[in-house]
Amino acid sequence: MKYFFSSNFVNKNKKAQGLSLNVIIIAVLALIVLVILVMALTGKMSVFNRGASDCVSKGGTCKPVTVGCNSFEQPLLGTNCAKLEPSQQCCLKMEADPNPK
């Protein structure tokens, strides 16, 4: 019974608890990294960047592909215009005319 209450036994027990806490923290961090990695590889990260693909928020306008962008605009790829309406593209105004006359 004396061995049970000795300080050496209590110290060993505390070290074991500290080690398991470290293992739990590392496991939780690894799980978070794994979830983020899976989301990135499966394309589920678009939940976080919906505004990044919005044509209007970038200063552009959606126009039919048949009309096209005018000489002061350039087509911007990877926006939501085609998702909203098929055969649409985002046209973004340029700062200056690239071909001054």
PDB file of N, CA and C in Angstrom:
ATOM      1  N   MET A   1       0.818  -1.186   0.000  1.00  0.00           N
ATOM      2  CA  MET A   1       0.000   0.000   0.000  1.00  0.00           C
ATOM      3  C   MET A   1       0.867   1.257   0.000  1.00  0.00           C
ATOM      4  N   LYS A   2       2.029   1.146   0.623  1.00  0.00           N
ATOM      5  CA  LYS A   2       2.921   2.293   0.678  1.00  0.00           C
ATOM      6  C   LYS A   2       3.393   2.666  -0.735  1.00  0.00           C
ATOM      7  N   TYR A   3       3.584   1.671  -1.588  1.00  0.00           N
ATOM      8  CA  TYR A   3       4.036   1.921  -2.949  1.00  0.00           C
ATOM      9  C   TYR A   3       3.002   2.725  -3.744  1.00  0.00           C
ATOM     10  N   PHE A   4       1.741   2.485  -3.497  1.00  0.00           N
ATOM     11  CA  PHE A   4       0.684   3.178  -4.208  1.00  0.00           C
ATOM     12  C   PHE A   4       0.709   4.683  -3.984  1.00  0.00           C
ATOM     13  N   PHE A   5       1.086   5.096  -2.805  1.00  0.00           N
ATOM     14  CA  PHE A   5       1.054   6.520  -2.476  1.00  0.00           C
ATOM     15  C   PHE A   5       2.426   7.174  -2.530  1.00  0.00           C
ATOM     16  N   SER A   6       3.398   6.496  -3.066  1.00  0.00           N
ATOM     17  CA  SER A   6       4.729   7.102  -3.143  1.00  0.00           C
ATOM     18  C   SER A   6       4.748   8.153  -4.245  1.00  0.00           C
ATOM     19  N   SER A   7       5.631   9.098  -4.117  1.00  0.00           N
ATOM     20  CA  SER A   7       5.689  10.199  -5.081  1.00  0.00           C
ATOM     21  C   SER A   7       6.155   9.718  -6.452  1.00  0.00           C
ATOM     22  N   ASN A   8       6.950   8.664  -6.486  1.00  0.00           N
ATOM     23  CA  ASN A   8       7.441   8.152  -7.755  1.00  0.00           C
ATOM     24  C   ASN A   8       6.282   7.635  -8.612  1.00  0.00           C
ATOM     25  N   PHE A   9       5.350   6.940  -8.020  1.00  0.00           N
ATOM     26  CA  PHE A   9       4.201   6.414  -8.755  1.00  0.00           C
ATOM     27  C   PHE A   9       3.320   7.555  -9.275  1.00  0.00           C
ATOM     28  N   VAL A  10       3.119   8.581  -8.488  1.00  0.00           N
ATOM     29  CA  VAL A  10       2.292   9.715  -8.893  1.00  0.00           C
ATOM     30  C   VAL A  10       2.955  10.456 -10.050  1.00  0.00           C
ATOM     31  N   ASN A  11       4.273  10.637 -10.002  1.00  0.00           N
ATOM     32  CA  ASN A  11       4.982  11.317 -11.083  1.00  0.00           C
ATOM     33  C   ASN A  11       4.877  10.545 -12.392  1.00  0.00           C
ATOM     34  N   LYS A  12       5.010   9.238 -12.332  1.00  0.00           N
ATOM     35  CA  LYS A  12       4.876   8.432 -13.538  1.00  0.00           C
ATOM     36  C   LYS A  12       3.474   8.569 -14.111  1.00  0.00           C
ATOM     37  N   ASN A  13       2.504   8.592 -13.241  1.00  0.00           N
ATOM     38  CA  ASN A  13       1.123   8.704 -13.680  1.00  0.00           C
ATOM     39  C   ASN A  13       0.883  10.053 -14.365  1.00  0.00           C
ATOM     40  N   LYS A  14       1.464  11.131 -13.855  1.00  0.00           N
ATOM     41  CA  LYS A  14       1.302  12.451 -14.466  1.00  0.00           C
ATOM     42  C   LYS A  14       1.969  12.500 -15.838  1.00  0.00           C
ATOM     43  N   LYS A  15       3.126  11.874 -15.975  1.00  0.00           N
ATOM     44  CA  LYS A  15       3.802  11.854 -17.264  1.00  0.00           C
ATOM     45  C   LYS A  15       2.962  11.105 -18.294  1.00  0.00           C
ATOM     46  N   ALA A  16       2.363  10.040 -17.893  1.00  0.00           N
ATOM     47  CA  ALA A  16       1.534   9.266 -18.812  1.00  0.00           C
ATOM     48  C   ALA A  16       0.326  10.085 -19.261  1.00  0.00           C
ATOM     49  N   GLN A  17      -0.260  10.855 -18.365  1.00  0.00           N
ATOM     50  CA  GLN A  17      -1.396  11.678 -18.738  1.00  0.00           C
ATOM     51  C   GLN A  17      -0.962  12.794 -19.683  1.00  0.00           C
ATOM     52  N   GLY A  18       0.195  13.373 -19.446  1.00  0.00           N
ATOM     53  CA  GLY A  18       0.697  14.422 -20.325  1.00  0.00           C
ATOM     54  C   GLY A  18       0.984  13.892 -21.713  1.00  0.00           C
ATOM     55  N   LEU A  19       1.504  12.708 -21.802  1.00  0.00           N
ATOM     56  CA  LEU A  19       1.795  12.105 -23.089  1.00  0.00           C
ATOM     57  C   LEU A  19       0.503  11.839 -23.856  1.00  0.00           C
ATOM     58  N   SER A  20      -0.501  11.339 -23.193  1.00  0.00           N
ATOM     59  CA  SER A  20      -1.751  11.056 -23.893  1.00  0.00           C
ATOM     60  C   SER A  20      -2.430  12.358 -24.338  1.00  0.00           C
ATOM     61  N   LEU A  21      -2.289  13.411 -23.568  1.00  0.00           N
ATOM     62  CA  LEU A  21      -2.844  14.702 -23.969  1.00  0.00           C
ATOM     63  C   LEU A  21      -2.135  15.212 -25.221  1.00  0.00           C
ATOM     64  N   ASN A  22      -0.814  15.050 -25.269  1.00  0.00           N
ATOM     65  CA  ASN A  22      -0.065  15.448 -26.463  1.00  0.00           C
ATOM     66  C   ASN A  22      -0.504  14.637 -27.679  1.00  0.00           C
ATOM     67  N   VAL A  23      -0.709  13.363 -27.482  1.00  0.00           N
ATOM     68  CA  VAL A  23      -1.138  12.502 -28.583  1.00  0.00           C
ATOM     69  C   VAL A  23      -2.519  12.925 -29.076  1.00  0.00           C
ATOM     70  N   ILE A  24      -3.409  13.261 -28.161  1.00  0.00           N
ATOM     71  CA  ILE A  24      -4.752  13.700 -28.541  1.00  0.00           C
ATOM     72  C   ILE A  24      -4.682  15.006 -29.326  1.00  0.00           C
ATOM     73  N   ILE A  25      -3.875  15.949 -28.883  1.00  0.00           N
ATOM     74  CA  ILE A  25      -3.736  17.236 -29.580  1.00  0.00           C
ATOM     75  C   ILE A  25      -3.174  17.026 -30.981  1.00  0.00           C
ATOM     76  N   ILE A  26      -2.152  16.197 -31.107  1.00  0.00           N
ATOM     77  CA  ILE A  26      -1.558  15.921 -32.417  1.00  0.00           C
ATOM     78  C   ILE A  26      -2.567  15.224 -33.327  1.00  0.00           C
ATOM     79  N   ALA A  27      -3.337  14.303 -32.768  1.00  0.00           N
ATOM     80  CA  ALA A  27      -4.344  13.593 -33.564  1.00  0.00           C
ATOM     81  C   ALA A  27      -5.429  14.548 -34.062  1.00  0.00           C
ATOM     82  N   VAL A  28      -5.856  15.480 -33.214  1.00  0.00           N
ATOM     83  CA  VAL A  28      -6.876  16.452 -33.622  1.00  0.00           C
ATOM     84  C   VAL A  28      -6.330  17.362 -34.719  1.00  0.00           C
ATOM     85  N   LEU A  29      -5.103  17.827 -34.569  1.00  0.00           N
ATOM     86  CA  LEU A  29      -4.493  18.678 -35.600  1.00  0.00           C
ATOM     87  C   LEU A  29      -4.336  17.918 -36.916  1.00  0.00           C
ATOM     88  N   ALA A  30      -3.922  16.660 -36.834  1.00  0.00           N
ATOM     89  CA  ALA A  30      -3.782  15.845 -38.041  1.00  0.00           C
ATOM     90  C   ALA A  30      -5.134  15.638 -38.717  1.00  0.00           C
ATOM     91  N   LEU A  31      -6.176  15.462 -37.932  1.00  0.00           N
ATOM     92  CA  LEU A  31      -7.515  15.291 -38.486  1.00  0.00           C
ATOM     93  C   LEU A  31      -7.989  16.562 -39.191  1.00  0.00           C
ATOM     94  N   ILE A  32      -7.708  17.719 -38.600  1.00  0.00           N
ATOM     95  CA  ILE A  32      -8.078  18.995 -39.226  1.00  0.00           C
ATOM     96  C   ILE A  32      -7.346  19.164 -40.556  1.00  0.00           C
ATOM     97  N   VAL A  33      -6.059  18.868 -40.574  1.00  0.00           N
ATOM     98  CA  VAL A  33      -5.276  18.970 -41.810  1.00  0.00           C
ATOM     99  C   VAL A  33      -5.815  17.998 -42.856  1.00  0.00           C
ATOM    100  N   LEU A  34      -6.174  16.803 -42.439  1.00  0.00           N
ATOM    101  CA  LEU A  34      -6.710  15.806 -43.361  1.00  0.00           C
ATOM    102  C   LEU A  34      -8.039  16.258 -43.962  1.00  0.00           C
ATOM    103  N   VAL A  35      -8.904  16.837 -43.153  1.00  0.00           N
ATOM    104  CA  VAL A  35     -10.195  17.326 -43.648  1.00  0.00           C
ATOM    105  C   VAL A  35      -9.982  18.446 -44.660  1.00  0.00           C
ATOM    106  N   ILE A  36      -9.085  19.381 -44.369  1.00  0.00           N
ATOM    107  CA  ILE A  36      -8.802  20.482 -45.300  1.00  0.00           C
ATOM    108  C   ILE A  36      -8.216  19.944 -46.601  1.00  0.00           C
ATOM    109  N   LEU A  37      -7.335  18.967 -46.509  1.00  0.00           N
ATOM    110  CA  LEU A  37      -6.730  18.371 -47.698  1.00  0.00           C
ATOM    111  C   LEU A  37      -7.780  17.673 -48.557  1.00  0.00           C
ATOM    112  N   VAL A  38      -8.666  16.926 -47.933  1.00  0.00           N
ATOM    113  CA  VAL A  38      -9.730  16.243 -48.676  1.00  0.00           C
ATOM    114  C   VAL A  38     -10.656  17.261 -49.331  1.00  0.00           C
ATOM    115  N   MET A  39     -10.989  18.326 -48.622  1.00  0.00           N
ATOM    116  CA  MET A  39     -11.857  19.361 -49.198  1.00  0.00           C
ATOM    117  C   MET A  39     -11.192  20.018 -50.401  1.00  0.00           C
ATOM    118  N   ALA A  40      -9.907  20.264 -50.313  1.00  0.00           N
ATOM    119  CA  ALA A  40      -9.192  20.908 -51.415  1.00  0.00           C
ATOM    120  C   ALA A  40      -9.124  19.987 -52.631  1.00  0.00           C
ATOM    121  N   LEU A  41      -8.899  18.699 -52.409  1.00  0.00           N
ATOM    122  CA  LEU A  41      -8.756  17.770 -53.522  1.00  0.00           C
ATOM    123  C   LEU A  41     -10.089  17.402 -54.168  1.00  0.00           C
ATOM    124  N   THR A  42     -11.165  17.484 -53.438  1.00  0.00           N
ATOM    125  CA  THR A  42     -12.471  17.127 -54.004  1.00  0.00           C
ATOM    126  C   THR A  42     -13.233  18.334 -54.521  1.00  0.00           C
ATOM    127  N   GLY A  43     -12.680  19.514 -54.396  1.00  0.00           N
ATOM    128  CA  GLY A  43     -13.338  20.703 -54.916  1.00  0.00           C
ATOM    129  C   GLY A  43     -14.369  21.297 -53.981  1.00  0.00           C
ATOM    130  N   LYS A  44     -14.408  20.875 -52.745  1.00  0.00           N
ATOM    131  CA  LYS A  44     -15.384  21.397 -51.795  1.00  0.00           C
ATOM    132  C   LYS A  44     -14.939  22.726 -51.190  1.00  0.00           C
ATOM    133  N   MET A  45     -13.762  23.207 -51.545  1.00  0.00           N
ATOM    134  CA  MET A  45     -13.285  24.479 -51.019  1.00  0.00           C
ATOM    135  C   MET A  45     -14.036  25.641 -51.662  1.00  0.00           C
ATOM    136  N   SER A  46     -14.816  25.375 -52.708  1.00  0.00           N
ATOM    137  CA  SER A  46     -15.558  26.452 -53.358  1.00  0.00           C
ATOM    138  C   SER A  46     -16.561  27.089 -52.412  1.00  0.00           C
ATOM    139  N   VAL A  47     -16.868  26.416 -51.326  1.00  0.00           N
ATOM    140  CA  VAL A  47     -17.745  27.001 -50.309  1.00  0.00           C
ATOM    141  C   VAL A  47     -17.124  28.284 -49.778  1.00  0.00           C
ATOM    142  N   PHE A  48     -15.791  28.305 -49.697  1.00  0.00           N
ATOM    143  CA  PHE A  48     -15.095  29.450 -49.125  1.00  0.00           C
ATOM    144  C   PHE A  48     -14.809  30.541 -50.143  1.00  0.00           C
ATOM    145  N   ASN A  49     -14.824  30.233 -51.433  1.00  0.00           N
ATOM    146  CA  ASN A  49     -14.455  31.250 -52.422  1.00  0.00           C
ATOM    147  C   ASN A  49     -15.562  31.512 -53.430  1.00  0.00           C
ATOM    148  N   ARG A  50     -16.796  31.492 -52.998  1.00  0.00           N
ATOM    149  CA  ARG A  50     -17.910  31.769 -53.910  1.00  0.00           C
ATOM    150  C   ARG A  50     -17.816  33.180 -54.471  1.00  0.00           C
ATOM    151  N   GLY A  51     -17.470  34.151 -53.659  1.00  0.00           N
ATOM    152  CA  GLY A  51     -17.364  35.525 -54.123  1.00  0.00           C
ATOM    153  C   GLY A  51     -16.201  35.739 -55.060  1.00  0.00           C
ATOM    154  N   ALA A  52     -15.199  34.876 -54.999  1.00  0.00           N
ATOM    155  CA  ALA A  52     -14.020  35.036 -55.838  1.00  0.00           C
ATOM    156  C   ALA A  52     -14.328  34.765 -57.305  1.00  0.00           C
ATOM    157  N   SER A  53     -15.369  34.000 -57.594  1.00  0.00           N
ATOM    158  CA  SER A  53     -15.695  33.696 -58.983  1.00  0.00           C
ATOM    159  C   SER A  53     -16.858  34.535 -59.505  1.00  0.00           C
ATOM    160  N   ASP A  54     -17.320  35.486 -58.736  1.00  0.00           N
ATOM    161  CA  ASP A  54     -18.451  36.320 -59.137  1.00  0.00           C
ATOM    162  C   ASP A  54     -17.970  37.413 -60.086  1.00  0.00           C
ATOM    163  N   CYS A  55     -18.522  37.437 -61.285  1.00  0.00           N
ATOM    164  CA  CYS A  55     -18.107  38.400 -62.314  1.00  0.00           C
ATOM    165  C   CYS A  55     -18.384  39.838 -61.887  1.00  0.00           C
ATOM    166  N   VAL A  56     -19.569  40.088 -61.372  1.00  0.00           N
ATOM    167  CA  VAL A  56     -19.963  41.454 -61.008  1.00  0.00           C
ATOM    168  C   VAL A  56     -19.102  41.988 -59.867  1.00  0.00           C
ATOM    169  N   SER A  57     -18.757  41.131 -58.896  1.00  0.00           N
ATOM    170  CA  SER A  57     -17.934  41.600 -57.780  1.00  0.00           C
ATOM    171  C   SER A  57     -16.524  41.962 -58.230  1.00  0.00           C
ATOM    172  N   LYS A  58     -16.102  41.434 -59.373  1.00  0.00           N
ATOM    173  CA  LYS A  58     -14.786  41.784 -59.917  1.00  0.00           C
ATOM    174  C   LYS A  58     -14.852  43.000 -60.832  1.00  0.00           C
ATOM    175  N   GLY A  59     -16.051  43.528 -61.035  1.00  0.00           N
ATOM    176  CA  GLY A  59     -16.202  44.714 -61.867  1.00  0.00           C
ATOM    177  C   GLY A  59     -16.542  44.416 -63.313  1.00  0.00           C
ATOM    178  N   GLY A  60     -16.926  43.185 -63.600  1.00  0.00           N
ATOM    179  CA  GLY A  60     -17.251  42.810 -64.972  1.00  0.00           C
ATOM    180  C   GLY A  60     -18.744  42.697 -65.199  1.00  0.00           C
ATOM    181  N   THR A  61     -19.097  42.378 -66.441  1.00  0.00           N
ATOM    182  CA  THR A  61     -20.498  42.146 -66.801  1.00  0.00           C
ATOM    183  C   THR A  61     -20.579  40.859 -67.606  1.00  0.00           C
ATOM    184  N   CYS A  62     -21.671  40.132 -67.429  1.00  0.00           N
ATOM    185  CA  CYS A  62     -21.899  38.908 -68.191  1.00  0.00           C
ATOM    186  C   CYS A  62     -22.516  39.271 -69.537  1.00  0.00           C
ATOM    187  N   LYS A  63     -21.908  38.769 -70.612  1.00  0.00           N
ATOM    188  CA  LYS A  63     -22.399  39.033 -71.968  1.00  0.00           C
ATOM    189  C   LYS A  63     -22.439  37.717 -72.732  1.00  0.00           C
ATOM    190  N   PRO A  64     -23.327  37.624 -73.723  1.00  0.00           N
ATOM    191  CA  PRO A  64     -23.348  36.411 -74.549  1.00  0.00           C
ATOM    192  C   PRO A  64     -22.031  36.245 -75.302  1.00  0.00           C
ATOM    193  N   VAL A  65     -21.617  35.003 -75.471  1.00  0.00           N
ATOM    194  CA  VAL A  65     -20.370  34.734 -76.186  1.00  0.00           C
ATOM    195  C   VAL A  65     -20.487  35.192 -77.636  1.00  0.00           C
ATOM    196  N   THR A  66     -21.683  35.109 -78.200  1.00  0.00           N
ATOM    197  CA  THR A  66     -21.874  35.522 -79.600  1.00  0.00           C
ATOM    198  C   THR A  66     -21.631  37.015 -79.787  1.00  0.00           C
ATOM    199  N   VAL A  67     -21.948  37.819 -78.772  1.00  0.00           N
ATOM    200  CA  VAL A  67     -21.699  39.264 -78.838  1.00  0.00           C
ATOM    201  C   VAL A  67     -20.233  39.541 -78.547  1.00  0.00           C
ATOM    202  N   GLY A  68     -19.701  38.891 -77.538  1.00  0.00           N
ATOM    203  CA  GLY A  68     -18.298  39.056 -77.172  1.00  0.00           C
ATOM    204  C   GLY A  68     -18.037  40.346 -76.417  1.00  0.00           C
ATOM    205  N   CYS A  69     -16.808  40.509 -75.998  1.00  0.00           N
ATOM    206  CA  CYS A  69     -16.388  41.714 -75.278  1.00  0.00           C
ATOM    207  C   CYS A  69     -15.984  42.776 -76.303  1.00  0.00           C
ATOM    208  N   ASN A  70     -16.205  44.049 -75.966  1.00  0.00           N
ATOM    209  CA  ASN A  70     -15.807  45.112 -76.891  1.00  0.00           C
ATOM    210  C   ASN A  70     -14.307  45.373 -76.781  1.00  0.00           C
ATOM    211  N   SER A  71     -13.817  46.361 -77.509  1.00  0.00           N
ATOM    212  CA  SER A  71     -12.372  46.597 -77.575  1.00  0.00           C
ATOM    213  C   SER A  71     -11.792  47.124 -76.262  1.00  0.00           C
ATOM    214  N   PHE A  72     -12.625  47.629 -75.368  1.00  0.00           N
ATOM    215  CA  PHE A  72     -12.132  48.134 -74.089  1.00  0.00           C
ATOM    216  C   PHE A  72     -12.321  47.124 -72.960  1.00  0.00           C
ATOM    217  N   GLU A  73     -12.711  45.914 -73.324  1.00  0.00           N
ATOM    218  CA  GLU A  73     -12.934  44.864 -72.329  1.00  0.00           C
ATOM    219  C   GLU A  73     -12.113  43.636 -72.690  1.00  0.00           C
ATOM    220  N   GLN A  74     -11.882  42.833 -71.695  1.00  0.00           N
ATOM    221  CA  GLN A  74     -11.216  41.558 -71.930  1.00  0.00           C
ATOM    222  C   GLN A  74     -12.020  40.458 -71.249  1.00  0.00           C
ATOM    223  N   PRO A  75     -12.065  39.274 -71.861  1.00  0.00           N
ATOM    224  CA  PRO A  75     -12.798  38.173 -71.235  1.00  0.00           C
ATOM    225  C   PRO A  75     -12.072  37.692 -69.978  1.00  0.00           C
ATOM    226  N   LEU A  76     -12.829  37.420 -68.955  1.00  0.00           N
ATOM    227  CA  LEU A  76     -12.282  36.951 -67.687  1.00  0.00           C
ATOM    228  C   LEU A  76     -12.763  35.526 -67.467  1.00  0.00           C
ATOM    229  N   LEU A  77     -11.835  34.595 -67.439  1.00  0.00           N
ATOM    230  CA  LEU A  77     -12.177  33.180 -67.300  1.00  0.00           C
ATOM    231  C   LEU A  77     -12.366  32.796 -65.839  1.00  0.00           C
ATOM    232  N   GLY A  78     -13.101  31.727 -65.616  1.00  0.00           N
ATOM    233  CA  GLY A  78     -13.270  31.184 -64.272  1.00  0.00           C
ATOM    234  C   GLY A  78     -14.302  31.899 -63.431  1.00  0.00           C
ATOM    235  N   THR A  79     -15.235  32.579 -64.064  1.00  0.00           N
ATOM    236  CA  THR A  79     -16.274  33.283 -63.309  1.00  0.00           C
ATOM    237  C   THR A  79     -17.590  32.514 -63.390  1.00  0.00           C
ATOM    238  N   ASN A  80     -18.606  33.049 -62.761  1.00  0.00           N
ATOM    239  CA  ASN A  80     -19.888  32.358 -62.655  1.00  0.00           C
ATOM    240  C   ASN A  80     -20.847  32.666 -63.802  1.00  0.00           C
ATOM    241  N   CYS A  81     -20.444  33.398 -64.810  1.00  0.00           N
ATOM    242  CA  CYS A  81     -21.364  33.760 -65.900  1.00  0.00           C
ATOM    243  C   CYS A  81     -21.896  32.521 -66.614  1.00  0.00           C
ATOM    244  N   ALA A  82     -21.028  31.597 -66.964  1.00  0.00           N
ATOM    245  CA  ALA A  82     -21.461  30.395 -67.677  1.00  0.00           C
ATOM    246  C   ALA A  82     -22.329  29.506 -66.792  1.00  0.00           C
ATOM    247  N   LYS A  83     -22.132  29.580 -65.490  1.00  0.00           N
ATOM    248  CA  LYS A  83     -22.963  28.790 -64.580  1.00  0.00           C
ATOM    249  C   LYS A  83     -24.362  29.387 -64.476  1.00  0.00           C
ATOM    250  N   LEU A  84     -24.436  30.714 -64.510  1.00  0.00           N
ATOM    251  CA  LEU A  84     -25.736  31.374 -64.419  1.00  0.00           C
ATOM    252  C   LEU A  84     -26.539  31.200 -65.701  1.00  0.00           C
ATOM    253  N   GLU A  85     -25.886  31.365 -66.816  1.00  0.00           N
ATOM    254  CA  GLU A  85     -26.547  31.264 -68.124  1.00  0.00           C
ATOM    255  C   GLU A  85     -25.541  30.661 -69.103  1.00  0.00           C
ATOM    256  N   PRO A  86     -25.843  29.502 -69.671  1.00  0.00           N
ATOM    257  CA  PRO A  86     -24.899  28.909 -70.634  1.00  0.00           C
ATOM    258  C   PRO A  86     -24.638  29.870 -71.792  1.00  0.00           C
ATOM    259  N   SER A  87     -23.494  29.754 -72.376  1.00  0.00           N
ATOM    260  CA  SER A  87     -23.016  30.592 -73.485  1.00  0.00           C
ATOM    261  C   SER A  87     -22.863  32.057 -73.084  1.00  0.00           C
ATOM    262  N   GLN A  88     -22.502  32.293 -71.826  1.00  0.00           N
ATOM    263  CA  GLN A  88     -22.201  33.648 -71.348  1.00  0.00           C
ATOM    264  C   GLN A  88     -20.726  33.707 -70.962  1.00  0.00           C
ATOM    265  N   GLN A  89     -20.161  34.883 -71.034  1.00  0.00           N
ATOM    266  CA  GLN A  89     -18.790  35.104 -70.584  1.00  0.00           C
ATOM    267  C   GLN A  89     -18.720  36.405 -69.803  1.00  0.00           C
ATOM    268  N   CYS A  90     -17.713  36.514 -68.953  1.00  0.00           N
ATOM    269  CA  CYS A  90     -17.516  37.722 -68.158  1.00  0.00           C
ATOM    270  C   CYS A  90     -16.579  38.656 -68.919  1.00  0.00           C
ATOM    271  N   CYS A  91     -16.994  39.890 -69.089  1.00  0.00           N
ATOM    272  CA  CYS A  91     -16.165  40.901 -69.750  1.00  0.00           C
ATOM    273  C   CYS A  91     -15.770  41.948 -68.718  1.00  0.00           C
ATOM    274  N   LEU A  92     -14.473  42.139 -68.570  1.00  0.00           N
ATOM    275  CA  LEU A  92     -13.932  43.061 -67.578  1.00  0.00           C
ATOM    276  C   LEU A  92     -13.333  44.263 -68.289  1.00  0.00           C
ATOM    277  N   LYS A  93     -13.730  45.469 -67.875  1.00  0.00           N
ATOM    278  CA  LYS A  93     -13.197  46.684 -68.495  1.00  0.00           C
ATOM    279  C   LYS A  93     -11.718  46.821 -68.167  1.00  0.00           C
ATOM    280  N   MET A  94     -10.951  47.214 -69.181  1.00  0.00           N
ATOM    281  CA  MET A  94      -9.526  47.460 -68.987  1.00  0.00           C
ATOM    282  C   MET A  94      -9.335  48.911 -68.583  1.00  0.00           C
ATOM    283  N   GLU A  95      -8.240  49.198 -67.919  1.00  0.00           N
ATOM    284  CA  GLU A  95      -7.960  50.557 -67.443  1.00  0.00           C
ATOM    285  C   GLU A  95      -7.759  51.526 -68.597  1.00  0.00           C
ATOM    286  N   ALA A  96      -7.020  51.110 -69.588  1.00  0.00           N
ATOM    287  CA  ALA A  96      -6.750  51.986 -70.734  1.00  0.00           C
ATOM    288  C   ALA A  96      -6.865  51.162 -72.003  1.00  0.00           C
ATOM    289  N   ASP A  97      -7.083  51.837 -73.117  1.00  0.00           N
ATOM    290  CA  ASP A  97      -7.182  51.152 -74.398  1.00  0.00           C
ATOM    291  C   ASP A  97      -5.801  50.605 -74.759  1.00  0.00           C
ATOM    292  N   PRO A  98      -5.685  49.284 -74.964  1.00  0.00           N
ATOM    293  CA  PRO A  98      -4.371  48.733 -75.281  1.00  0.00           C
ATOM    294  C   PRO A  98      -3.893  49.108 -76.685  1.00  0.00           C
ATOM    295  N   ASN A  99      -4.828  49.498 -77.564  1.00  0.00           N
ATOM    296  CA  ASN A  99      -4.480  49.889 -78.934  1.00  0.00           C
ATOM    297  C   ASN A  99      -4.942  51.319 -79.201  1.00  0.00           C
ATOM    298  N   PRO A 100      -4.230  52.315 -78.686  1.00  0.00           N
ATOM    299  CA  PRO A 100      -4.672  53.701 -78.917  1.00  0.00           C
ATOM    300  C   PRO A 100      -4.577  54.046 -80.397  1.00  0.00           C
ATOM    301  N   LYS A 101      -5.536  54.847 -80.879  1.00  0.00           N
ATOM    302  CA  LYS A 101      -5.576  55.205 -82.313  1.00  0.00           C
ATOM    303  C   LYS A 101      -5.003  56.568 -82.556  1.00  0.00           C
TER     304      LYS A 101
END
